[in-house]
C-alpha atoms as a PDB file:
ATOM      1  CA  MET A   1       0.000   0.000   0.000  1.00  0.00           C
ATOM      2  CA  LEU A   2       1.422   3.384  -1.003  1.00  0.00           C
ATOM      3  CA  ILE A   3       1.303   6.188   1.534  1.00  0.00           C
ATOM      4  CA  GLU A   4       1.799   9.904   1.014  1.00  0.00           C
ATOM      5  CA  GLY A   5       3.548  12.265   3.370  1.00  0.00           C
ATOM      6  CA  LYS A   6       5.652  15.395   3.553  1.00  0.00           C
ATOM      7  CA  LEU A   7       9.369  15.431   4.309  1.00  0.00           C
ATOM      8  CA  ARG A   8       9.702  17.249   7.632  1.00  0.00           C
ATOM      9  CA  VAL A   9      13.488  17.307   7.889  1.00  0.00           C
ATOM     10  CA  TRP A  10      16.445  15.977   5.888  1.00  0.00           C
ATOM     11  CA  PHE A  11      20.017  15.629   7.142  1.00  0.00           C
ATOM     12  CA  THR A  12      22.104  15.631   3.957  1.00  0.00           C
ATOM     13  CA  ASP A  13      25.360  14.989   5.774  1.00  0.00           C
ATOM     14  CA  ARG A  14      23.900  11.935   7.522  1.00  0.00           C
ATOM     15  CA  GLY A  15      21.757  10.633   4.667  1.00  0.00           C
ATOM     16  CA  PHE A  16      18.390  10.404   6.397  1.00  0.00           C
ATOM     17  CA  GLY A  17      15.309  12.350   7.373  1.00  0.00           C
ATOM     18  CA  PHE A  18      11.741  12.020   8.639  1.00  0.00           C
ATOM     19  CA  ILE A  19       8.403  12.079   6.831  1.00  0.00           C
ATOM     20  CA  ASP A  20       5.163  13.292   8.453  1.00  0.00           C
ATOM     21  CA  GLY A  21       1.606  12.827   7.243  1.00  0.00           C
ATOM     22  CA  GLU A  22      -1.923  11.699   7.981  1.00  0.00           C
ATOM     23  CA  PHE A  23      -0.665   8.168   8.613  1.00  0.00           C
ATOM     24  CA  GLU A  24       0.487   9.409  12.019  1.00  0.00           C
ATOM     25  CA  GLN A  25      -2.852   8.473  13.622  1.00  0.00           C
ATOM     26  CA  LYS A  26      -2.174   4.825  12.794  1.00  0.00           C
ATOM     27  CA  ILE A  27       1.598   4.775  13.270  1.00  0.00           C
ATOM     28  CA  ARG A  28       1.845   7.590  15.859  1.00  0.00           C
ATOM     29  CA  ARG A  29       5.309   8.788  14.876  1.00  0.00           C
ATOM     30  CA  SER A  30       7.275  10.256  12.010  1.00  0.00           C
ATOM     31  CA  ILE A  31       8.548   7.771   9.461  1.00  0.00           C
ATOM     32  CA  TYR A  32      12.318   7.313   9.168  1.00  0.00           C
ATOM     33  CA  CYS A  33      13.634   7.694   5.614  1.00  0.00           C
ATOM     34  CA  HIS A  34      17.177   6.637   4.638  1.00  0.00           C
ATOM     35  CA  ALA A  35      18.856   7.853   1.435  1.00  0.00           C
ATOM     36  CA  LYS A  36      19.158   4.242   0.190  1.00  0.00           C
ATOM     37  CA  SER A  37      15.353   3.926   0.337  1.00  0.00           C
ATOM     38  CA  ILE A  38      14.823   6.700  -2.213  1.00  0.00           C
ATOM     39  CA  ARG A  39      13.892   5.338  -5.612  1.00  0.00           C
ATOM     40  CA  SER A  40      13.691   8.706  -7.389  1.00  0.00           C
ATOM     41  CA  GLY A  41      13.549  12.436  -6.841  1.00  0.00           C
ATOM     42  CA  VAL A  42      15.320  14.763  -4.456  1.00  0.00           C
ATOM     43  CA  PRO A  43      14.648  14.917  -0.689  1.00  0.00           C
ATOM     44  CA  LEU A  44      13.967  18.579   0.032  1.00  0.00           C
ATOM     45  CA  PRO A  45      12.186  19.587   3.264  1.00  0.00           C
ATOM     46  CA  GLY A  46       8.510  20.160   2.554  1.00  0.00           C
ATOM     47  CA  ALA A  47       8.509  17.905  -0.519  1.00  0.00           C
ATOM     48  CA  LEU A  48       5.662  15.438  -0.883  1.00  0.00           C
ATOM     49  CA  ALA A  49       6.670  11.786  -0.925  1.00  0.00           C
ATOM     50  CA  THR A  50       4.995   8.547  -1.919  1.00  0.00           C
ATOM     51  CA  PHE A  51       6.316   5.410  -0.225  1.00  0.00           C
ATOM     52  CA  ARG A  52       5.670   2.044   1.406  1.00  0.00           C
ATOM     53  CA  VAL A  53       6.130   1.436   5.124  1.00  0.00           C
ATOM     54  CA  VAL A  54       8.378  -1.313   6.442  1.00  0.00           C
ATOM     55  CA  TYR A  55       8.348  -2.130  10.155  1.00  0.00           C
ATOM     56  CA  MET A  56      11.903  -2.340  11.479  1.00  0.00           C
ATOM     57  CA  PRO A  57      13.088  -3.155  15.040  1.00  0.00           C
ATOM     58  CA  LYS A  58      13.547   0.566  15.814  1.00  0.00           C
ATOM     59  CA  GLY A  59      10.195   1.548  14.296  1.00  0.00           C
ATOM     60  CA  PRO A  60       8.548   2.192  10.932  1.00  0.00           C
ATOM     61  CA  ALA A  61      10.715   3.162   7.960  1.00  0.00           C
ATOM     62  CA  ALA A  62       9.913   4.423   4.467  1.00  0.00           C
ATOM     63  CA  PHE A  63      10.802   2.167   1.523  1.00  0.00           C
ATOM     64  CA  ASP A  64      10.552   2.750  -2.274  1.00  0.00           C
ATOM     65  CA  VAL A  65      10.336   6.500  -1.636  1.00  0.00           C
ATOM     66  CA  VAL A  66       9.507   8.749  -4.583  1.00  0.00           C
ATOM     67  CA  PHE A  67      10.105  12.496  -4.271  1.00  0.00           C
ATOM     68  CA  PRO A  68       9.488  15.036  -7.028  1.00  0.00           C
ATOM     69  CA  PRO A  69      12.502  15.843  -9.219  1.00  0.00           C
ATOM     70  CA  ALA A  70      14.748  18.722  -8.187  1.00  0.00           C
ATOM     71  CA  PRO A  71      13.595  22.122  -9.403  1.00  0.00           C
ATOM     72  CA  ASN A  72      15.489  23.428 -12.404  1.00  0.00           C
ATOM     73  CA  VAL A  73      17.286  26.402 -10.903  1.00  0.00           C
ATOM     74  CA  SER A  74      20.220  28.243 -12.370  1.00  0.00           C
ATOM     75  CA  LEU A  75      22.421  30.073  -9.908  1.00  0.00           C
ATOM     76  CA  SER A  76      24.970  32.782 -10.480  1.00  0.00           C
ATOM     77  CA  ASN A  77      28.599  32.036  -9.633  1.00  0.00           C
ATOM     78  CA  ALA A  78      28.313  34.278  -6.563  1.00  0.00           C
ATOM     79  CA  ALA A  79      25.281  32.332  -5.326  1.00  0.00           C
ATOM     80  CA  VAL A  80      27.072  29.005  -5.839  1.00  0.00           C
ATOM     81  CA  GLU A  81      30.118  30.283  -3.917  1.00  0.00           C
ATOM     82  CA  LEU A  82      27.869  31.495  -1.081  1.00  0.00           C
ATOM     83  CA  LEU A  83      26.121  28.109  -0.864  1.00  0.00           C
ATOM     84  CA  GLU A  84      29.429  26.238  -0.920  1.00  0.00           C
ATOM     85  CA  ARG A  85      30.773  28.457   1.883  1.00  0.00           C
ATOM     86  CA  LYS A  86      27.607  27.914   3.942  1.00  0.00           C
ATOM     87  CA  ILE A  87      27.812  24.124   3.489  1.00  0.00           C
ATOM     88  CA  LEU A  88      31.478  24.163   4.475  1.00  0.00           C
ATOM     89  CA  GLU A  89      30.728  26.231   7.593  1.00  0.00           C
ATOM     90  CA  GLU A  90      27.932  23.844   8.627  1.00  0.00           C
ATOM     91  CA  THR A  91      30.193  20.851   8.029  1.00  0.00           C
ATOM     92  CA  LEU A  92      32.978  22.302  10.177  1.00  0.00           C
ATOM     93  CA  VAL A  93      30.738  23.214  13.133  1.00  0.00           C
ATOM     94  CA  GLY A  94      31.911  21.186  16.086  1.00  0.00           C
ATOM     95  CA  VAL A  95      35.091  20.009  14.339  1.00  0.00           C
ATOM     96  CA  LYS A  96      38.166  21.004  16.313  1.00  0.00           C
END
């Protein structure tokens, strides 16, 4: 059975996130989604997802996840440099 939900949060550096939706009344928690479970699309917070639920020892997990494709956005060189700097700063937080 396919379920729909919305990606609440995605941790790119760790390769996982959590999906919320109306299924919460039955499951009563957010669904764990690992990068290896994504069949197509790009996991962006707020994106709608279609998936199957697999019950794992630590709780329910999304499987065969389909997100919409990434938006076609062209960025200027300055914007790309700013994003790269921001990603680097976030990666280095806590590294000493």
